[in-house]
Protein backbone atom coordinates (compact mmCIF):
# COMPACT_ATOMS: atom_id res chain seq x y z
CA MET A 1 -64.11 -84.26 -42.74
CA GLY A 2 -66.53 -84.31 -39.83
CA PRO A 3 -70.04 -82.82 -39.77
CA PHE A 4 -70.26 -79.06 -40.21
CA ALA A 5 -72.97 -76.41 -40.27
CA ILE A 6 -73.81 -73.43 -42.46
CA ALA A 7 -75.56 -70.60 -40.61
CA GLN A 8 -77.88 -68.16 -42.37
CA PRO A 9 -78.71 -65.46 -39.81
CA VAL A 10 -80.83 -62.34 -40.04
CA VAL A 11 -78.50 -59.71 -38.61
CA ALA A 12 -79.27 -56.57 -36.62
CA ARG A 13 -77.74 -53.43 -38.13
CA GLY A 14 -74.65 -52.44 -36.21
CA ASP A 15 -75.68 -54.30 -33.05
CA ILE A 16 -72.72 -56.55 -32.30
CA ALA A 17 -74.06 -57.72 -28.93
CA ALA A 18 -77.40 -58.80 -30.41
CA ASN A 19 -75.70 -60.54 -33.30
CA VAL A 20 -73.27 -62.37 -31.00
CA ALA A 21 -76.22 -63.54 -28.91
CA ARG A 22 -77.94 -64.98 -31.98
CA HIS A 23 -74.67 -66.53 -33.15
CA LEU A 24 -74.46 -68.38 -29.85
CA VAL A 25 -77.93 -69.86 -30.30
CA LEU A 26 -77.01 -71.14 -33.76
CA VAL A 27 -73.59 -72.39 -32.64
CA GLU A 28 -75.11 -74.30 -29.72
CA ALA A 29 -77.66 -75.89 -32.04
CA ALA A 30 -74.96 -76.90 -34.51
CA ALA A 31 -72.83 -78.40 -31.76
CA ARG A 32 -75.76 -80.45 -30.44
CA GLN A 33 -75.93 -82.06 -33.89
CA GLY A 34 -72.25 -82.97 -33.78
CA ALA A 35 -70.96 -80.18 -36.03
CA ARG A 36 -67.27 -79.38 -35.66
CA LEU A 37 -67.46 -76.19 -37.73
CA VAL A 38 -70.12 -73.54 -38.29
CA LEU A 39 -69.77 -71.01 -41.12
CA PHE A 40 -71.49 -67.59 -41.02
CA PRO A 41 -71.85 -64.94 -43.79
CA GLU A 42 -69.71 -61.92 -44.56
CA LEU A 43 -69.77 -59.26 -41.81
CA ALA A 44 -72.33 -61.28 -39.85
CA LEU A 45 -71.41 -59.64 -36.54
CA THR A 46 -72.23 -56.11 -37.69
CA GLY A 47 -74.23 -56.42 -40.86
CA TYR A 48 -72.91 -55.17 -44.18
CA GLU A 49 -72.72 -51.50 -43.21
CA PRO A 50 -69.78 -49.71 -44.85
CA SER A 51 -70.72 -46.36 -43.31
CA LEU A 52 -70.47 -47.87 -39.81
CA ALA A 53 -67.42 -50.04 -40.41
CA ALA A 54 -64.76 -47.76 -38.95
CA ALA A 55 -66.74 -47.22 -35.75
CA LEU A 56 -67.57 -50.91 -35.38
CA ALA A 57 -64.15 -52.34 -36.29
CA LEU A 58 -62.85 -54.95 -33.86
CA ASP A 59 -59.48 -56.33 -32.86
CA ALA A 60 -58.37 -59.49 -31.10
CA GLY A 61 -58.85 -57.95 -27.66
CA ALA A 62 -62.45 -56.82 -28.20
CA PRO A 63 -64.61 -57.94 -25.24
CA ALA A 64 -67.54 -58.47 -27.62
CA LEU A 65 -65.73 -61.45 -29.13
CA GLU A 66 -65.12 -63.28 -25.87
CA PRO A 67 -68.47 -65.18 -25.85
CA LEU A 68 -67.64 -66.67 -29.25
CA ARG A 69 -64.17 -67.66 -28.14
CA GLU A 70 -65.59 -69.27 -25.00
CA ALA A 71 -68.28 -71.15 -26.95
CA ALA A 72 -65.72 -72.56 -29.40
CA VAL A 73 -63.66 -73.95 -26.53
CA ARG A 74 -66.58 -75.21 -24.46
CA LEU A 75 -68.33 -76.90 -27.37
CA GLY A 76 -65.27 -78.09 -29.27
CA ILE A 77 -66.42 -76.34 -32.45
CA ALA A 78 -64.78 -73.90 -34.85
CA VAL A 79 -66.85 -70.75 -35.43
CA VAL A 80 -66.15 -68.73 -38.58
CA THR A 81 -67.88 -65.35 -38.76
CA GLY A 82 -67.30 -61.89 -40.13
CA ALA A 83 -66.57 -58.36 -38.91
CA PRO A 84 -64.67 -55.21 -39.86
CA TRP A 85 -61.10 -55.64 -38.59
CA LYS A 86 -58.98 -52.81 -37.24
CA THR A 87 -55.80 -52.03 -39.15
CA ALA A 88 -53.75 -48.92 -39.73
CA GLY A 89 -56.01 -46.88 -41.96
CA LEU A 90 -59.29 -48.31 -43.20
CA PRO A 91 -60.60 -51.53 -41.64
CA ARG A 92 -60.48 -54.80 -43.53
CA ILE A 93 -63.34 -57.24 -44.08
CA ALA A 94 -62.38 -60.25 -42.00
CA ALA A 95 -63.42 -63.84 -41.50
CA LEU A 96 -62.72 -64.56 -37.84
CA SER A 97 -62.18 -68.21 -36.92
CA PHE A 98 -62.61 -69.05 -33.24
CA LEU A 99 -61.00 -72.44 -32.72
CA PRO A 100 -61.57 -75.10 -30.05
CA ASP A 101 -58.08 -74.56 -28.63
CA GLY A 102 -58.95 -70.96 -27.80
CA THR A 103 -57.02 -69.34 -30.63
CA LEU A 104 -58.34 -66.85 -33.16
CA GLN A 105 -57.34 -66.99 -36.82
CA VAL A 106 -57.98 -63.95 -38.99
CA TYR A 107 -58.50 -64.10 -42.76
CA THR A 108 -58.96 -60.77 -44.56
CA LYS A 109 -60.87 -60.41 -47.81
CA GLN A 110 -58.41 -60.09 -50.67
CA TYR A 111 -60.64 -58.63 -53.37
CA LEU A 112 -63.09 -55.77 -52.87
CA HIS A 113 -66.30 -55.08 -54.75
CA ALA A 114 -66.43 -51.81 -56.64
CA GLY A 115 -67.13 -49.04 -54.15
CA GLU A 116 -65.95 -50.93 -51.08
CA GLU A 117 -62.57 -49.20 -51.22
CA ALA A 118 -64.22 -46.07 -49.77
CA ALA A 119 -64.78 -47.88 -46.45
CA PHE A 120 -62.41 -50.86 -46.47
CA ALA A 121 -58.86 -51.78 -47.37
CA ALA A 122 -58.11 -54.92 -49.37
CA GLY A 123 -56.78 -57.74 -47.23
CA ASP A 124 -54.15 -60.38 -47.76
CA GLY A 125 -56.09 -63.59 -47.18
CA GLY A 126 -54.77 -65.95 -44.55
CA ALA A 127 -54.12 -69.56 -43.71
CA GLY A 128 -56.83 -72.15 -43.97
CA LEU A 129 -58.17 -74.08 -41.01
CA ARG A 130 -57.01 -77.50 -39.91
CA LEU A 131 -59.85 -79.38 -38.26
CA GLY A 132 -59.44 -83.01 -37.28
CA GLY A 133 -57.03 -83.65 -40.13
CA ALA A 134 -59.20 -81.83 -42.69
CA SER A 135 -58.23 -78.59 -44.43
CA VAL A 136 -60.79 -75.79 -44.85
CA ALA A 137 -60.01 -72.88 -47.20
CA LEU A 138 -61.81 -69.60 -46.54
CA ALA A 139 -63.19 -67.04 -48.97
CA VAL A 140 -65.14 -63.83 -48.43
CA CYS A 141 -67.64 -62.72 -51.06
CA ALA A 142 -65.78 -61.01 -53.96
CA ASP A 143 -62.85 -63.39 -53.48
CA ILE A 144 -64.92 -65.98 -55.35
CA ALA A 145 -65.08 -63.80 -58.47
CA HIS A 146 -61.39 -64.60 -59.04
CA GLY A 147 -60.89 -68.14 -60.27
CA ASP A 148 -57.31 -68.27 -59.08
CA HIS A 149 -58.54 -67.97 -55.49
CA ALA A 150 -60.46 -71.25 -55.60
CA ALA A 151 -57.70 -72.84 -57.70
CA ALA A 152 -55.13 -71.99 -55.04
CA ALA A 153 -57.33 -73.56 -52.36
CA ALA A 154 -57.62 -76.75 -54.39
CA HIS A 155 -53.89 -76.79 -55.10
CA CYS A 156 -53.24 -76.68 -51.36
CA GLY A 157 -55.47 -79.71 -50.87
CA ALA A 158 -58.54 -78.08 -49.34
CA ASP A 159 -61.21 -80.57 -48.25
CA LEU A 160 -63.76 -77.73 -48.22
CA TYR A 161 -63.93 -74.27 -49.81
CA ALA A 162 -65.97 -72.22 -47.34
CA ALA A 163 -67.33 -68.92 -48.65
CA SER A 164 -68.85 -66.27 -46.38
CA MET A 165 -71.09 -64.23 -48.65
CA LEU A 166 -73.55 -61.40 -49.14
CA VAL A 167 -75.56 -62.38 -52.19
CA SER A 168 -78.57 -60.41 -53.40
CA GLU A 169 -81.56 -61.87 -55.18
CA ASN A 170 -80.26 -60.49 -58.47
CA GLY A 171 -76.74 -61.81 -57.99
CA TYR A 172 -77.56 -65.28 -56.73
CA GLU A 173 -77.52 -67.25 -59.94
CA THR A 174 -74.17 -65.80 -60.99
CA ASP A 175 -72.46 -66.43 -57.66
CA ALA A 176 -74.00 -69.85 -57.15
CA GLY A 177 -72.92 -70.77 -60.65
CA LEU A 178 -69.33 -69.80 -59.90
CA LEU A 179 -69.25 -71.85 -56.70
CA ARG A 180 -70.89 -74.84 -58.35
CA GLY A 181 -68.34 -74.62 -61.13
CA TYR A 182 -65.41 -74.50 -58.72
CA ALA A 183 -66.71 -77.60 -56.97
CA ARG A 184 -66.92 -79.48 -60.25
CA GLU A 185 -63.67 -78.18 -61.74
CA HIS A 186 -61.53 -78.77 -58.67
CA ARG A 187 -63.33 -81.81 -57.26
CA MET A 188 -63.71 -79.84 -54.03
CA PRO A 189 -66.86 -79.46 -51.88
CA VAL A 190 -67.97 -75.83 -51.65
CA ALA A 191 -70.07 -74.25 -48.89
CA MET A 192 -71.78 -70.86 -49.08
CA ALA A 193 -73.18 -68.99 -46.06
CA ASN A 194 -75.42 -66.08 -47.07
CA HIS A 195 -77.43 -63.54 -45.13
CA GLY A 196 -81.04 -64.43 -44.42
CA GLY A 197 -82.37 -60.89 -44.34
CA PRO A 198 -81.72 -57.39 -45.64
CA THR A 199 -78.43 -55.72 -44.76
CA GLY A 200 -76.71 -52.59 -46.02
CA GLY A 201 -79.63 -51.85 -48.31
CA TRP A 202 -79.36 -55.22 -50.06
CA ALA A 203 -82.25 -57.68 -50.30
CA CYS A 204 -80.31 -60.87 -49.63
CA ALA A 205 -81.32 -64.09 -51.30
CA GLY A 206 -80.59 -66.52 -48.47
CA ARG A 207 -80.39 -69.92 -50.16
CA SER A 208 -77.14 -70.85 -48.38
CA ALA A 209 -75.88 -74.12 -49.79
CA LEU A 210 -73.35 -76.91 -50.09
CA TRP A 211 -72.20 -78.41 -53.38
CA ASP A 212 -70.35 -81.73 -53.43
CA GLU A 213 -67.14 -82.41 -55.32
CA ASN A 214 -69.16 -83.11 -58.48
CA GLY A 215 -70.96 -79.76 -58.30
CA ASN A 216 -74.22 -81.36 -57.19
CA ILE A 217 -76.30 -79.66 -54.53
CA VAL A 218 -76.25 -81.48 -51.17
CA ILE A 219 -78.43 -79.12 -49.14
CA ALA A 220 -79.70 -75.56 -49.59
CA ALA A 221 -81.92 -73.17 -47.70
CA GLY A 222 -85.21 -72.66 -49.48
CA GLY A 223 -84.93 -68.88 -49.49
CA ALA A 224 -84.38 -66.04 -47.05
CA GLY A 225 -84.96 -66.10 -43.29
CA GLU A 226 -82.88 -67.61 -40.53
CA CYS A 227 -81.69 -71.10 -41.30
CA LEU A 228 -79.12 -73.60 -40.08
CA LEU A 229 -77.93 -76.42 -42.34
CA LEU A 230 -75.99 -79.51 -41.28
CA ALA A 231 -73.82 -81.50 -43.68
CA ARG A 232 -71.80 -84.65 -43.21
CA ARG A 233 -70.06 -87.17 -45.43
CA ASP A 234 -69.75 -90.89 -44.79
CA ARG A 235 -68.95 -93.95 -46.90
CA ASP A 236 -72.29 -93.52 -48.68
CA GLY A 237 -71.55 -89.92 -49.67
CA TRP A 238 -72.88 -86.56 -48.55
CA HIS A 239 -75.97 -86.00 -46.42
CA GLY A 240 -77.60 -82.71 -45.45
CA LYS A 241 -80.51 -81.49 -43.38
CA ALA A 242 -81.94 -78.31 -41.94
CA ILE A 243 -81.66 -77.91 -38.16
CA ASP A 244 -84.21 -76.21 -35.93
CA PRO A 245 -82.12 -74.11 -33.51
CA ALA A 246 -84.73 -74.73 -30.82
CA THR A 247 -84.07 -78.49 -30.74
């Protein structure tokens, strides 16, 4: 598949407009480097704020989303980010994919963490992305704790398993170990986008990463803080680098 980017933002609590504005900076930087996809963390448009989720929940007609839709079309890049999604009853935790043809695909998190059911309803997943002949399977945080989720992605021929996450310092080694194991077991590259700063009371680890199909690390953020990673694969294998959004 073509070059893609992993974004590690520091989000503003409940401030969708501010978070969209920062998304656009990172998306523009990724596109300048030739990326055809940029992956953001779980609930990156609002922060991980269960108590605010119902009030902040979005739908396909939300004006706040229009700048992301426009950027995807203008730049020819797919933008995958996260927000609470309006449904009958409690909102769902969604990965929203803004595609270069102007369409929006919605994936909803299938498995909730303990306690999330007070603010969110479990989702039903969704189709993967088709980008330039490549297939990208999506996952949101607790989805990765279920091995059959990654196995199903591999069975469907995913060229990339793209996980939008919130991973704390204490949980990082466990979650990274799962993702590394899926890459090795299924011979499937695995990307993880994590938050770069605190959200919802969690001290996030950052350290967003890509593992190749052998489970080897290609590129990873050194820690927390805003970061943008670029990955590409050619005949010599995988290559990764950090991108300065200002360049």
